[in-house]
Amino acid sequence: MKLEIISPDKLVYSGEVNSVNMPGSAGRFTVLPHHTALISSLKAGEIIYQNEEGTVTLKIDGGFAEVKNDVISVCVENVIE
């Protein structure tokens, strides 16, 4: 799957991933290969994704995500470092 995470001021991440776990407004959810299409708002919390290098955790202030055809597009308000 391809994951792209953007914030208003930069491209945070773009690359292949095995799974993504996100803080949806209605609760956490995980996206795996061949996931059904969806659009979800995101609340403040952590996006956790796994790629070939390991597990990465990003703290965010909120945003939204779209999943379609094994492409996950995430727009976040701010990445907390």
N, C-alpha and C. Protein backbone atom coordinates (compact mmCIF):
# COMPACT_ATOMS: atom_id res chain seq x y z
N MET A 1 0.85 -1.18 0.00
CA MET A 1 0.00 0.00 0.00
C MET A 1 0.89 1.24 0.00
N LYS A 2 0.38 2.31 -0.56
CA LYS A 2 1.11 3.57 -0.55
C LYS A 2 0.47 4.50 0.49
N LEU A 3 1.30 5.10 1.31
CA LEU A 3 0.85 6.06 2.32
C LEU A 3 1.47 7.41 2.02
N GLU A 4 0.64 8.45 2.03
CA GLU A 4 1.13 9.81 1.91
C GLU A 4 0.52 10.64 3.02
N ILE A 5 1.37 11.26 3.83
CA ILE A 5 0.93 12.11 4.93
C ILE A 5 1.44 13.52 4.65
N ILE A 6 0.52 14.48 4.60
CA ILE A 6 0.91 15.86 4.37
C ILE A 6 0.37 16.75 5.49
N SER A 7 1.08 17.83 5.74
CA SER A 7 0.61 18.87 6.66
C SER A 7 0.58 20.16 5.85
N PRO A 8 0.04 21.25 6.38
CA PRO A 8 -0.04 22.48 5.60
C PRO A 8 1.32 23.00 5.11
N ASP A 9 2.39 22.65 5.80
CA ASP A 9 3.69 23.21 5.42
C ASP A 9 4.70 22.22 4.85
N LYS A 10 4.38 20.89 4.82
CA LYS A 10 5.37 19.96 4.26
C LYS A 10 4.77 18.59 3.99
N LEU A 11 5.50 17.82 3.19
CA LEU A 11 5.21 16.41 3.00
C LEU A 11 5.87 15.67 4.15
N VAL A 12 5.07 15.04 4.97
CA VAL A 12 5.59 14.36 6.17
C VAL A 12 6.15 12.99 5.82
N TYR A 13 5.41 12.21 4.99
CA TYR A 13 5.86 10.88 4.60
C TYR A 13 5.20 10.48 3.30
N SER A 14 5.95 9.79 2.46
CA SER A 14 5.40 9.20 1.24
C SER A 14 6.17 7.92 0.97
N GLY A 15 5.47 6.79 0.98
CA GLY A 15 6.14 5.53 0.74
C GLY A 15 5.22 4.34 0.93
N GLU A 16 5.80 3.16 0.76
CA GLU A 16 5.07 1.91 0.89
C GLU A 16 4.98 1.50 2.36
N VAL A 17 3.83 0.98 2.76
CA VAL A 17 3.61 0.52 4.14
C VAL A 17 2.86 -0.81 4.12
N ASN A 18 2.97 -1.54 5.24
CA ASN A 18 2.24 -2.80 5.41
C ASN A 18 0.91 -2.59 6.12
N SER A 19 0.86 -1.61 7.04
CA SER A 19 -0.37 -1.31 7.78
C SER A 19 -0.28 0.10 8.34
N VAL A 20 -1.46 0.69 8.61
CA VAL A 20 -1.54 2.02 9.21
C VAL A 20 -2.65 2.00 10.24
N ASN A 21 -2.38 2.50 11.45
CA ASN A 21 -3.37 2.60 12.51
C ASN A 21 -3.55 4.08 12.80
N MET A 22 -4.82 4.55 12.79
CA MET A 22 -5.09 5.98 12.92
C MET A 22 -6.17 6.27 13.96
N PRO A 23 -6.12 7.47 14.55
CA PRO A 23 -7.11 7.87 15.56
C PRO A 23 -8.36 8.50 14.92
N GLY A 24 -9.26 7.68 14.41
CA GLY A 24 -10.48 8.20 13.81
C GLY A 24 -11.37 8.89 14.84
N SER A 25 -12.20 9.79 14.39
CA SER A 25 -13.10 10.50 15.30
C SER A 25 -14.04 9.56 16.04
N ALA A 26 -14.39 8.43 15.40
CA ALA A 26 -15.28 7.44 16.03
C ALA A 26 -14.50 6.30 16.69
N GLY A 27 -13.18 6.40 16.74
CA GLY A 27 -12.35 5.37 17.35
C GLY A 27 -11.19 5.00 16.44
N ARG A 28 -10.19 4.35 17.01
CA ARG A 28 -9.01 3.95 16.24
C ARG A 28 -9.39 2.91 15.20
N PHE A 29 -8.70 2.94 14.07
CA PHE A 29 -8.91 1.93 13.04
C PHE A 29 -7.59 1.63 12.34
N THR A 30 -7.51 0.42 11.77
CA THR A 30 -6.32 -0.04 11.08
C THR A 30 -6.65 -0.30 9.62
N VAL A 31 -5.77 0.13 8.74
CA VAL A 31 -5.91 -0.11 7.31
C VAL A 31 -4.86 -1.14 6.90
N LEU A 32 -5.33 -2.20 6.26
CA LEU A 32 -4.47 -3.26 5.75
C LEU A 32 -4.65 -3.33 4.24
N PRO A 33 -3.80 -4.06 3.52
CA PRO A 33 -3.96 -4.16 2.06
C PRO A 33 -5.37 -4.61 1.67
N HIS A 34 -5.86 -4.05 0.58
CA HIS A 34 -7.18 -4.34 0.00
C HIS A 34 -8.33 -3.88 0.88
N HIS A 35 -8.08 -2.86 1.72
CA HIS A 35 -9.11 -2.29 2.58
C HIS A 35 -10.18 -1.63 1.71
N THR A 36 -11.41 -1.65 2.19
CA THR A 36 -12.50 -0.98 1.47
C THR A 36 -12.26 0.53 1.47
N ALA A 37 -12.81 1.22 0.51
CA ALA A 37 -12.66 2.67 0.42
C ALA A 37 -13.35 3.34 1.60
N LEU A 38 -12.73 4.42 2.10
CA LEU A 38 -13.33 5.17 3.20
C LEU A 38 -12.74 6.56 3.28
N ILE A 39 -13.48 7.44 3.93
CA ILE A 39 -13.01 8.77 4.30
C ILE A 39 -13.35 8.94 5.76
N SER A 40 -12.38 9.42 6.56
CA SER A 40 -12.60 9.57 7.99
C SER A 40 -11.91 10.83 8.50
N SER A 41 -12.56 11.52 9.41
CA SER A 41 -11.88 12.59 10.12
C SER A 41 -11.00 11.95 11.20
N LEU A 42 -9.93 12.64 11.56
CA LEU A 42 -9.01 12.14 12.57
C LEU A 42 -8.97 13.11 13.74
N LYS A 43 -8.92 12.56 14.95
CA LYS A 43 -8.78 13.40 16.14
C LYS A 43 -7.31 13.40 16.56
N ALA A 44 -6.99 14.21 17.53
CA ALA A 44 -5.62 14.25 18.05
C ALA A 44 -5.23 12.87 18.57
N GLY A 45 -4.02 12.47 18.28
CA GLY A 45 -3.54 11.16 18.72
C GLY A 45 -2.32 10.75 17.93
N GLU A 46 -2.17 9.44 17.71
CA GLU A 46 -1.00 8.92 17.03
C GLU A 46 -1.38 8.14 15.77
N ILE A 47 -0.64 8.40 14.70
CA ILE A 47 -0.69 7.56 13.51
C ILE A 47 0.50 6.61 13.64
N ILE A 48 0.22 5.32 13.54
CA ILE A 48 1.27 4.31 13.66
C ILE A 48 1.27 3.52 12.36
N TYR A 49 2.41 3.53 11.67
CA TYR A 49 2.49 2.76 10.42
C TYR A 49 3.73 1.87 10.44
N GLN A 50 3.62 0.77 9.70
CA GLN A 50 4.73 -0.18 9.58
C GLN A 50 5.19 -0.22 8.14
N ASN A 51 6.49 -0.03 7.96
CA ASN A 51 7.08 -0.17 6.64
C ASN A 51 8.24 -1.16 6.75
N GLU A 52 9.02 -1.32 5.70
CA GLU A 52 10.08 -2.32 5.74
C GLU A 52 11.19 -1.99 6.74
N GLU A 53 11.25 -0.74 7.18
CA GLU A 53 12.26 -0.33 8.16
C GLU A 53 11.81 -0.51 9.61
N GLY A 54 10.51 -0.74 9.83
CA GLY A 54 10.00 -0.92 11.19
C GLY A 54 8.72 -0.16 11.42
N THR A 55 8.45 0.14 12.68
CA THR A 55 7.23 0.83 13.09
C THR A 55 7.54 2.30 13.37
N VAL A 56 6.70 3.19 12.85
CA VAL A 56 6.88 4.63 13.03
C VAL A 56 5.62 5.19 13.68
N THR A 57 5.79 6.07 14.67
CA THR A 57 4.67 6.71 15.35
C THR A 57 4.76 8.22 15.16
N LEU A 58 3.68 8.83 14.70
CA LEU A 58 3.59 10.28 14.55
C LEU A 58 2.46 10.79 15.43
N LYS A 59 2.73 11.80 16.24
CA LYS A 59 1.67 12.44 17.02
C LYS A 59 1.10 13.58 16.18
N ILE A 60 -0.24 13.61 16.11
CA ILE A 60 -0.92 14.64 15.29
C ILE A 60 -1.97 15.38 16.11
N ASP A 61 -2.36 16.56 15.60
CA ASP A 61 -3.42 17.35 16.22
C ASP A 61 -4.79 17.03 15.67
N GLY A 62 -4.86 16.31 14.56
CA GLY A 62 -6.13 16.00 13.91
C GLY A 62 -5.97 16.12 12.41
N GLY A 63 -7.04 15.81 11.68
CA GLY A 63 -7.00 15.90 10.22
C GLY A 63 -8.04 15.01 9.61
N PHE A 64 -7.73 14.45 8.43
CA PHE A 64 -8.63 13.50 7.79
C PHE A 64 -7.83 12.52 6.94
N ALA A 65 -8.45 11.38 6.63
CA ALA A 65 -7.79 10.34 5.84
C ALA A 65 -8.75 9.81 4.79
N GLU A 66 -8.18 9.46 3.64
CA GLU A 66 -8.94 8.80 2.57
C GLU A 66 -8.20 7.53 2.18
N VAL A 67 -8.94 6.43 2.04
CA VAL A 67 -8.39 5.16 1.60
C VAL A 67 -9.11 4.77 0.32
N LYS A 68 -8.33 4.48 -0.73
CA LYS A 68 -8.94 4.10 -2.00
C LYS A 68 -7.90 3.37 -2.85
N ASN A 69 -8.23 2.15 -3.28
CA ASN A 69 -7.35 1.37 -4.16
C ASN A 69 -5.93 1.21 -3.61
N ASP A 70 -5.82 0.86 -2.34
CA ASP A 70 -4.53 0.66 -1.67
C ASP A 70 -3.66 1.92 -1.62
N VAL A 71 -4.28 3.09 -1.69
CA VAL A 71 -3.60 4.36 -1.50
C VAL A 71 -4.25 5.05 -0.30
N ILE A 72 -3.43 5.41 0.68
CA ILE A 72 -3.92 6.08 1.90
C ILE A 72 -3.39 7.51 1.88
N SER A 73 -4.29 8.47 1.78
CA SER A 73 -3.92 9.89 1.77
C SER A 73 -4.37 10.50 3.09
N VAL A 74 -3.42 11.07 3.82
CA VAL A 74 -3.71 11.64 5.13
C VAL A 74 -3.28 13.10 5.13
N CYS A 75 -4.19 13.98 5.52
CA CYS A 75 -3.90 15.40 5.68
C CYS A 75 -4.03 15.72 7.16
N VAL A 76 -2.94 16.18 7.77
CA VAL A 76 -2.95 16.45 9.20
C VAL A 76 -2.81 17.95 9.44
N GLU A 77 -3.39 18.42 10.52
CA GLU A 77 -3.28 19.83 10.87
C GLU A 77 -1.88 20.17 11.31
N ASN A 78 -1.28 19.27 12.09
CA ASN A 78 0.06 19.55 12.63
C ASN A 78 0.66 18.24 13.13
N VAL A 79 1.95 18.04 12.90
CA VAL A 79 2.68 16.92 13.47
C VAL A 79 3.42 17.43 14.69
N ILE A 80 3.18 16.81 15.82
CA ILE A 80 3.81 17.23 17.08
C ILE A 80 5.12 16.47 17.23
N GLU A 81 6.22 17.21 17.33
CA GLU A 81 7.52 16.54 17.41
C GLU A 81 8.13 16.64 18.77
